N, C-alpha and C. Protein backbone atom coordinates (compact mmCIF):
# COMPACT_ATOMS: atom_id res chain seq x y z
N MET A 1 100.25 -85.46 105.77
CA MET A 1 101.40 -83.77 105.75
C MET A 1 100.30 -82.54 105.91
N SER A 2 100.45 -81.91 106.97
CA SER A 2 100.09 -80.76 107.07
C SER A 2 101.30 -79.57 106.56
N LEU A 3 100.22 -78.31 106.17
CA LEU A 3 100.68 -77.35 105.86
C LEU A 3 100.98 -76.50 106.88
N ARG A 4 102.52 -75.49 106.95
CA ARG A 4 102.04 -74.28 107.47
C ARG A 4 101.08 -73.17 106.92
N ARG A 5 100.96 -72.50 107.58
CA ARG A 5 100.04 -71.27 107.07
C ARG A 5 100.76 -70.13 106.04
N GLY A 6 101.82 -70.31 105.89
CA GLY A 6 102.91 -69.68 105.06
C GLY A 6 102.21 -70.41 103.67
N GLN A 7 102.47 -71.42 103.92
CA GLN A 7 102.50 -72.81 103.11
C GLN A 7 101.13 -72.71 102.09
N ARG A 8 100.25 -72.77 103.21
CA ARG A 8 98.90 -72.41 102.13
C ARG A 8 98.34 -71.29 101.61
N VAL A 9 99.33 -70.56 102.10
CA VAL A 9 99.07 -68.79 101.28
C VAL A 9 99.40 -69.24 99.98
N ARG A 10 100.79 -69.56 100.18
CA ARG A 10 101.76 -69.57 98.44
C ARG A 10 100.78 -70.66 97.76
N LEU A 11 100.02 -71.91 98.47
CA LEU A 11 99.56 -72.47 97.46
C LEU A 11 98.33 -71.87 96.60
N ARG A 12 97.76 -71.09 97.98
CA ARG A 12 96.66 -70.52 97.17
C ARG A 12 96.75 -69.53 96.43
N ALA A 13 98.05 -68.84 96.62
CA ALA A 13 97.85 -67.49 95.27
C ALA A 13 98.71 -68.14 94.10
N SER A 14 99.08 -69.24 94.51
CA SER A 14 99.68 -69.91 92.63
C SER A 14 98.24 -70.55 92.37
N TRP A 15 97.20 -70.91 92.81
CA TRP A 15 96.08 -71.14 91.92
C TRP A 15 95.23 -69.86 91.19
N TYR A 16 95.46 -69.18 91.83
CA TYR A 16 94.73 -67.64 91.71
C TYR A 16 95.62 -67.49 90.24
N ALA A 17 96.76 -67.56 90.48
CA ALA A 17 97.55 -67.43 89.16
C ALA A 17 97.22 -67.93 88.27
N ILE A 18 96.80 -69.22 88.41
CA ILE A 18 97.20 -70.17 87.49
C ILE A 18 95.81 -70.11 86.27
N LEU A 19 94.90 -69.66 87.47
CA LEU A 19 93.19 -70.18 87.47
C LEU A 19 93.57 -69.36 85.81
N PRO A 20 93.01 -67.54 85.72
CA PRO A 20 93.42 -66.54 84.88
C PRO A 20 93.83 -67.54 83.64
N LEU A 21 94.85 -67.94 83.77
CA LEU A 21 95.21 -68.82 82.01
C LEU A 21 94.32 -70.10 82.01
N VAL A 22 94.13 -70.87 82.62
CA VAL A 22 93.30 -72.23 82.16
C VAL A 22 92.03 -71.61 81.47
N LEU A 23 90.90 -70.48 82.41
CA LEU A 23 90.32 -69.56 81.82
C LEU A 23 90.00 -69.24 80.64
N LEU A 24 91.79 -68.22 80.57
CA LEU A 24 91.80 -67.89 78.97
C LEU A 24 91.87 -69.02 77.76
N CYS A 25 92.24 -70.01 77.69
CA CYS A 25 93.01 -71.04 77.14
C CYS A 25 91.19 -71.78 76.53
N GLY A 26 90.81 -71.83 77.31
CA GLY A 26 88.76 -72.04 77.50
C GLY A 26 88.14 -71.51 76.53
N ALA A 27 88.38 -70.03 76.90
CA ALA A 27 87.51 -69.12 75.94
C ALA A 27 88.21 -69.13 74.63
N GLY A 28 89.41 -69.14 74.29
CA GLY A 28 89.74 -68.94 72.93
C GLY A 28 89.93 -69.94 72.46
N CYS A 29 90.01 -71.66 73.00
CA CYS A 29 90.37 -72.46 72.41
C CYS A 29 89.38 -73.54 71.96
N GLY A 30 87.91 -72.90 72.14
CA GLY A 30 87.07 -73.66 71.89
C GLY A 30 86.42 -74.36 73.10
N ASP A 31 85.33 -74.76 73.57
CA ASP A 31 85.22 -75.46 75.11
C ASP A 31 85.36 -76.80 75.21
N GLY A 32 85.73 -76.97 73.88
CA GLY A 32 85.99 -79.06 73.43
C GLY A 32 84.84 -79.50 73.74
N ARG A 33 83.63 -79.23 74.13
CA ARG A 33 82.49 -79.84 73.98
C ARG A 33 82.09 -80.58 72.45
N THR A 34 82.32 -82.12 72.28
CA THR A 34 82.07 -82.22 71.06
C THR A 34 80.19 -83.07 71.06
N GLY A 35 80.29 -83.22 69.91
CA GLY A 35 78.57 -84.06 69.77
C GLY A 35 78.61 -84.96 68.91
N THR A 36 78.67 -86.18 68.89
CA THR A 36 79.20 -87.58 67.79
C THR A 36 78.36 -86.94 66.76
N VAL A 37 79.24 -87.60 65.48
CA VAL A 37 78.72 -87.27 64.21
C VAL A 37 79.37 -88.52 63.42
N THR A 38 77.81 -89.31 63.10
CA THR A 38 78.27 -89.92 61.72
C THR A 38 77.21 -90.34 60.64
N GLY A 39 77.50 -90.82 59.80
CA GLY A 39 76.77 -91.03 58.31
C GLY A 39 77.29 -91.41 57.42
N LYS A 40 76.37 -91.28 56.12
CA LYS A 40 76.77 -91.80 55.20
C LYS A 40 76.77 -91.07 54.05
N VAL A 41 78.20 -91.27 53.10
CA VAL A 41 78.83 -90.40 51.81
C VAL A 41 78.01 -90.86 50.82
N THR A 42 77.44 -90.08 49.84
CA THR A 42 76.88 -91.07 48.63
C THR A 42 77.51 -89.71 47.02
N HIS A 43 76.84 -90.43 46.34
CA HIS A 43 77.21 -89.57 45.07
C HIS A 43 76.31 -89.89 44.14
N ARG A 44 75.39 -89.17 43.61
CA ARG A 44 74.61 -89.75 42.44
C ARG A 44 74.20 -91.42 42.95
N GLY A 45 73.30 -91.36 44.14
CA GLY A 45 72.36 -92.44 45.05
C GLY A 45 73.32 -93.11 45.11
N LYS A 46 74.49 -93.39 44.92
CA LYS A 46 75.55 -94.70 45.10
C LYS A 46 76.35 -93.84 46.31
N MET A 47 76.78 -95.13 47.45
CA MET A 47 77.58 -95.14 48.20
C MET A 47 79.36 -94.95 47.84
N VAL A 48 79.97 -94.03 48.74
CA VAL A 48 81.14 -93.63 48.37
C VAL A 48 82.19 -94.26 49.05
N ASN A 49 83.16 -94.84 48.65
CA ASN A 49 83.72 -96.34 49.21
C ASN A 49 85.23 -95.85 49.23
N ALA A 50 85.21 -94.20 49.40
CA ALA A 50 86.89 -94.01 50.03
C ALA A 50 87.06 -92.49 49.94
N GLY A 51 88.04 -92.13 50.60
CA GLY A 51 88.17 -90.11 51.09
C GLY A 51 88.17 -90.02 51.99
N SER A 52 87.97 -88.48 52.33
CA SER A 52 87.97 -88.26 53.73
C SER A 52 87.18 -86.94 54.19
N LEU A 53 86.60 -86.93 54.95
CA LEU A 53 85.82 -85.51 55.46
C LEU A 53 86.39 -84.89 56.64
N THR A 54 86.34 -83.42 56.14
CA THR A 54 86.64 -82.71 57.22
C THR A 54 86.11 -81.17 57.52
N PHE A 55 85.53 -82.00 59.16
CA PHE A 55 84.24 -80.70 59.62
C PHE A 55 85.37 -79.32 60.46
N THR A 56 85.09 -78.83 59.49
CA THR A 56 85.91 -77.01 60.21
C THR A 56 84.62 -76.21 60.94
N PRO A 57 85.34 -76.19 62.42
CA PRO A 57 84.36 -75.02 63.07
C PRO A 57 84.33 -74.06 62.12
N ILE A 58 82.89 -73.11 62.01
CA ILE A 58 83.16 -71.73 61.81
C ILE A 58 82.95 -70.52 63.17
N PRO A 59 83.59 -69.58 63.16
CA PRO A 59 83.64 -68.48 64.33
C PRO A 59 81.96 -68.18 64.24
N ALA A 60 82.05 -67.74 65.24
CA ALA A 60 80.46 -67.18 65.93
C ALA A 60 80.97 -66.10 66.95
N ASP A 61 80.00 -65.35 66.86
CA ASP A 61 79.94 -64.21 68.21
C ASP A 61 81.61 -63.34 68.33
N GLY A 62 82.03 -63.69 67.13
CA GLY A 62 83.77 -63.15 67.50
C GLY A 62 84.61 -63.63 68.34
N ASN A 63 84.25 -65.07 68.32
CA ASN A 63 85.08 -66.37 68.85
C ASN A 63 86.24 -66.04 67.80
N GLN A 64 87.41 -66.01 67.04
CA GLN A 64 88.36 -66.39 66.27
C GLN A 64 88.76 -67.73 65.80
N GLN A 65 88.68 -68.63 67.57
CA GLN A 65 89.29 -69.58 67.61
C GLN A 65 88.38 -70.68 67.97
N PRO A 66 87.15 -70.90 67.15
CA PRO A 66 86.44 -72.08 67.32
C PRO A 66 86.11 -73.52 67.71
N GLY A 67 87.39 -73.56 67.80
CA GLY A 67 87.82 -75.07 68.14
C GLY A 67 87.89 -75.92 67.01
N LYS A 68 88.60 -77.03 67.35
CA LYS A 68 89.88 -77.96 66.24
C LYS A 68 88.92 -78.45 65.27
N PRO A 69 88.87 -78.47 64.24
CA PRO A 69 88.35 -79.43 63.28
C PRO A 69 88.40 -80.90 63.35
N GLY A 70 87.31 -81.14 63.00
CA GLY A 70 87.20 -82.84 62.86
C GLY A 70 87.49 -83.52 61.75
N ALA A 71 87.93 -84.87 62.00
CA ALA A 71 88.29 -85.94 60.41
C ALA A 71 87.49 -87.03 60.58
N ALA A 72 87.34 -87.52 59.47
CA ALA A 72 86.53 -88.72 59.39
C ALA A 72 86.98 -89.95 58.05
N GLU A 73 87.43 -90.35 58.05
CA GLU A 73 87.88 -91.58 57.03
C GLU A 73 86.42 -92.01 56.24
N VAL A 74 86.20 -92.62 54.95
CA VAL A 74 84.99 -92.70 54.39
C VAL A 74 84.94 -94.40 54.29
N GLN A 75 84.70 -95.18 55.04
CA GLN A 75 84.61 -96.40 55.01
C GLN A 75 84.16 -96.79 53.79
N PRO A 76 84.68 -98.57 53.78
CA PRO A 76 84.12 -99.15 52.37
C PRO A 76 82.59 -99.25 51.75
N ASP A 77 82.24 -99.02 53.61
CA ASP A 77 80.54 -99.37 52.78
C ASP A 77 79.67 -98.25 53.02
N GLY A 78 80.62 -96.93 52.76
CA GLY A 78 80.32 -95.31 52.45
C GLY A 78 80.13 -94.72 53.98
N ARG A 79 80.05 -95.28 55.39
CA ARG A 79 79.87 -94.84 56.26
C ARG A 79 80.92 -93.94 56.81
N TYR A 80 81.00 -93.07 57.92
CA TYR A 80 81.86 -92.66 58.68
C TYR A 80 81.93 -91.86 59.69
N PHE A 81 82.54 -91.63 60.88
CA PHE A 81 82.82 -91.33 62.08
C PHE A 81 83.80 -89.85 62.42
N VAL A 82 83.29 -89.39 62.62
CA VAL A 82 84.15 -88.16 62.99
C VAL A 82 85.05 -88.45 64.25
N GLY A 83 86.20 -88.32 64.37
CA GLY A 83 86.85 -87.93 65.67
C GLY A 83 87.93 -86.70 65.78
N THR A 84 87.64 -85.75 66.69
CA THR A 84 88.30 -84.49 67.00
C THR A 84 89.43 -84.34 68.08
N TYR A 85 89.29 -85.06 69.31
CA TYR A 85 90.35 -85.04 70.01
C TYR A 85 90.34 -86.58 69.80
N SER A 86 89.92 -87.23 70.06
CA SER A 86 90.23 -88.81 69.89
C SER A 86 89.79 -89.56 69.01
N ARG A 87 89.72 -90.82 68.84
CA ARG A 87 88.73 -91.42 67.46
C ARG A 87 87.55 -91.36 67.78
N ASN A 88 86.94 -91.20 66.63
CA ASN A 88 85.20 -91.36 66.92
C ASN A 88 84.75 -90.26 68.24
N ASP A 89 85.16 -89.25 68.49
CA ASP A 89 84.16 -88.62 69.84
C ASP A 89 83.26 -87.44 69.13
N GLY A 90 83.53 -87.48 67.94
CA GLY A 90 82.45 -86.33 67.26
C GLY A 90 83.11 -84.95 66.54
N ALA A 91 82.10 -83.88 66.53
CA ALA A 91 82.85 -82.84 66.28
C ALA A 91 82.72 -81.98 67.44
N VAL A 92 83.61 -80.65 66.93
CA VAL A 92 83.07 -79.57 68.65
C VAL A 92 81.42 -78.79 67.91
N ILE A 93 80.77 -78.72 68.74
CA ILE A 93 79.56 -78.02 69.04
C ILE A 93 79.66 -76.53 68.11
N GLY A 94 78.55 -76.94 67.20
CA GLY A 94 78.70 -75.68 66.32
C GLY A 94 78.24 -75.67 64.96
N ARG A 95 78.35 -74.42 64.23
CA ARG A 95 77.95 -74.24 62.59
C ARG A 95 79.99 -75.11 62.00
N HIS A 96 79.87 -76.29 61.15
CA HIS A 96 81.00 -75.84 60.37
C HIS A 96 80.81 -76.03 58.83
N ARG A 97 81.77 -76.06 58.35
CA ARG A 97 82.30 -76.14 56.80
C ARG A 97 82.50 -77.90 56.71
N VAL A 98 81.80 -78.15 55.32
CA VAL A 98 82.29 -79.69 55.66
C VAL A 98 83.15 -79.69 54.38
N SER A 99 84.19 -80.34 54.58
CA SER A 99 85.14 -80.59 52.91
C SER A 99 84.96 -81.99 52.57
N TYR A 100 85.53 -82.50 51.10
CA TYR A 100 85.62 -84.07 50.84
C TYR A 100 87.08 -84.05 50.30
N ALA A 101 88.16 -84.87 50.12
CA ALA A 101 88.89 -85.41 49.81
C ALA A 101 88.65 -86.19 49.04
N PRO A 102 89.39 -86.60 47.87
CA PRO A 102 89.11 -88.07 47.19
C PRO A 102 90.28 -89.26 47.87
N PRO A 103 90.51 -90.57 47.47
CA PRO A 103 91.40 -91.37 47.89
C PRO A 103 92.49 -91.01 46.69
N VAL A 104 94.05 -90.94 46.84
CA VAL A 104 94.74 -91.35 46.25
C VAL A 104 94.81 -92.77 45.97
N LEU A 105 95.00 -93.12 44.89
CA LEU A 105 95.35 -94.37 45.01
C LEU A 105 96.53 -95.01 44.41
N PRO A 106 96.88 -95.81 44.52
CA PRO A 106 98.78 -96.24 43.77
C PRO A 106 98.93 -96.65 42.95
N PHE A 107 100.01 -96.49 41.90
CA PHE A 107 100.21 -96.82 40.80
C PHE A 107 99.88 -98.40 41.05
N PRO A 108 99.57 -98.89 39.67
CA PRO A 108 99.33 -100.37 39.67
C PRO A 108 100.98 -101.05 40.00
N GLU A 109 100.50 -102.08 40.39
CA GLU A 109 101.85 -102.85 40.58
C GLU A 109 103.04 -103.04 39.87
N GLY A 110 104.05 -102.98 39.13
CA GLY A 110 104.97 -102.49 38.73
C GLY A 110 105.17 -101.73 37.64
N LYS A 111 104.11 -101.15 37.55
CA LYS A 111 104.18 -100.30 36.89
C LYS A 111 105.17 -98.73 37.38
N GLU A 112 105.89 -98.47 36.73
CA GLU A 112 106.74 -97.13 36.93
C GLU A 112 106.13 -95.87 36.13
N PRO A 113 105.67 -94.92 37.14
CA PRO A 113 105.39 -93.93 36.99
C PRO A 113 106.19 -92.86 36.18
N LYS A 114 105.12 -92.31 34.77
CA LYS A 114 106.58 -91.07 34.05
C LYS A 114 106.54 -89.99 35.08
N PRO A 115 107.55 -89.19 34.48
CA PRO A 115 107.69 -87.77 35.59
C PRO A 115 106.64 -86.63 35.49
N GLY A 116 105.73 -86.27 36.19
CA GLY A 116 104.56 -85.95 36.17
C GLY A 116 103.47 -86.12 35.82
N GLU A 117 103.42 -87.94 35.96
CA GLU A 117 102.60 -88.30 35.65
C GLU A 117 101.58 -88.35 37.10
N SER A 118 100.16 -88.62 36.79
CA SER A 118 99.21 -87.98 37.89
C SER A 118 98.46 -89.91 38.92
N PRO A 119 98.50 -90.39 39.41
CA PRO A 119 98.06 -91.57 39.90
C PRO A 119 96.29 -91.71 38.95
N PRO A 120 96.03 -93.42 38.83
CA PRO A 120 94.63 -93.47 38.98
C PRO A 120 93.70 -92.54 39.35
N SER A 121 93.04 -92.59 38.64
CA SER A 121 91.49 -91.88 39.29
C SER A 121 90.84 -92.18 40.27
N SER A 122 90.10 -92.14 40.75
CA SER A 122 89.20 -92.51 41.70
C SER A 122 87.82 -92.37 40.99
N GLY A 123 87.30 -91.91 40.86
CA GLY A 123 86.20 -91.07 39.88
C GLY A 123 85.80 -90.19 41.15
N TYR A 124 86.27 -89.89 42.08
CA TYR A 124 85.81 -88.98 42.84
C TYR A 124 85.95 -87.72 43.07
N GLU A 125 87.17 -87.40 41.94
CA GLU A 125 87.92 -85.86 41.64
C GLU A 125 87.06 -85.02 41.75
N GLY A 126 87.05 -83.77 42.07
CA GLY A 126 86.06 -83.13 41.47
C GLY A 126 84.54 -82.71 42.24
N LEU A 127 84.82 -83.45 43.30
CA LEU A 127 83.36 -83.55 44.02
C LEU A 127 83.43 -82.97 45.80
N VAL A 128 82.47 -82.20 45.99
CA VAL A 128 82.23 -81.44 46.88
C VAL A 128 80.56 -81.98 47.96
N PRO A 129 80.96 -81.53 49.28
CA PRO A 129 79.26 -82.01 49.88
C PRO A 129 78.18 -80.77 48.87
N LYS A 130 77.11 -81.56 48.51
CA LYS A 130 76.27 -80.55 48.62
C LYS A 130 75.77 -79.37 49.87
N ALA A 131 75.73 -79.97 50.89
CA ALA A 131 75.73 -79.18 51.93
C ALA A 131 77.22 -78.85 52.41
N ALA A 132 77.43 -77.62 51.98
CA ALA A 132 78.85 -76.98 52.50
C ALA A 132 78.73 -77.09 53.64
N GLU A 133 77.19 -76.55 54.76
CA GLU A 133 77.68 -75.63 56.31
C GLU A 133 76.70 -77.37 56.83
N VAL A 134 77.16 -77.57 57.46
CA VAL A 134 76.36 -78.17 58.61
C VAL A 134 76.32 -77.61 60.33
N GLU A 135 75.20 -77.85 61.07
CA GLU A 135 75.08 -77.91 62.35
C GLU A 135 75.47 -79.28 63.28
N VAL A 136 76.42 -79.48 64.25
CA VAL A 136 76.72 -80.45 65.15
C VAL A 136 75.54 -79.51 66.52
N ARG A 137 75.04 -80.46 66.89
CA ARG A 137 74.32 -80.22 68.06
C ARG A 137 75.08 -81.39 69.13
N PRO A 138 74.53 -80.79 70.68
CA PRO A 138 74.98 -81.95 71.67
C PRO A 138 74.36 -83.25 71.42
N GLY A 139 75.10 -84.31 71.92
CA GLY A 139 74.38 -85.76 71.60
C GLY A 139 74.85 -86.09 70.38
N SER A 140 73.96 -87.05 69.56
CA SER A 140 74.25 -87.90 68.23
C SER A 140 73.33 -87.36 67.30
N ASN A 141 75.15 -87.25 66.24
CA ASN A 141 74.32 -86.37 65.23
C ASN A 141 74.14 -87.04 64.09
N THR A 142 73.29 -87.78 62.91
CA THR A 142 73.60 -88.17 61.85
C THR A 142 73.68 -87.08 61.00
N ILE A 143 74.44 -86.69 60.22
CA ILE A 143 74.54 -86.13 58.93
C ILE A 143 75.23 -86.86 57.76
N ASP A 144 74.22 -86.81 57.06
CA ASP A 144 74.47 -87.79 55.46
C ASP A 144 75.20 -86.90 54.69
N VAL A 145 75.68 -86.74 54.02
CA VAL A 145 76.66 -85.95 52.11
C VAL A 145 76.98 -86.45 51.22
N GLU A 146 75.84 -85.76 50.87
CA GLU A 146 75.68 -86.17 49.48
C GLU A 146 77.37 -85.34 48.45
N LEU A 147 77.47 -86.09 47.52
CA LEU A 147 78.85 -85.12 46.77
C LEU A 147 78.28 -84.95 45.74
N VAL A 148 78.45 -83.54 45.20
CA VAL A 148 77.99 -83.31 43.38
C VAL A 148 79.47 -82.64 43.51
N PRO A 149 79.12 -82.31 41.59
CA PRO A 149 80.34 -81.89 41.19
C PRO A 149 80.50 -80.48 41.93
N GLU A 150 81.82 -79.74 41.67
CA GLU A 150 82.10 -78.20 42.23
C GLU A 150 81.58 -77.79 41.26
N GLY A 151 81.01 -76.52 41.67
CA GLY A 151 80.31 -75.49 40.94
C GLY A 151 79.04 -75.29 40.38
N GLY A 152 78.55 -77.14 40.60
CA GLY A 152 77.38 -77.48 39.77
C GLY A 152 76.21 -78.15 40.90
């Protein structure tokens, strides 16, 4: 199938109209490049066996949208693997704020919670990463996270 001259000119013109939009989104939405991030989570020298981590990109050089945050579930053995765009693909390259959320445990089977009653404690409430900011570089990153009491 060959295109006539008029069709080729219109096709080329449409690409010139679309290209700036693609480049603009790329500039404002982070570049999408990730570095794999894995590690272990500890508290007082022992492995943490549950909860989740969030790696939130920190704006740099005036970029107000540095990229999508990455997330990881802490495994029963204390290890984690960050995923941002797909499972275990890593975190956007650059500086990140790291936050930890403890697991929410279910009420014991057969126990009816009272109004306003909190779920059972996991023992990890009130903990935050000792290093609140980390750097993710291209390639493979091992970032161990030590949890400490908030404010301490």
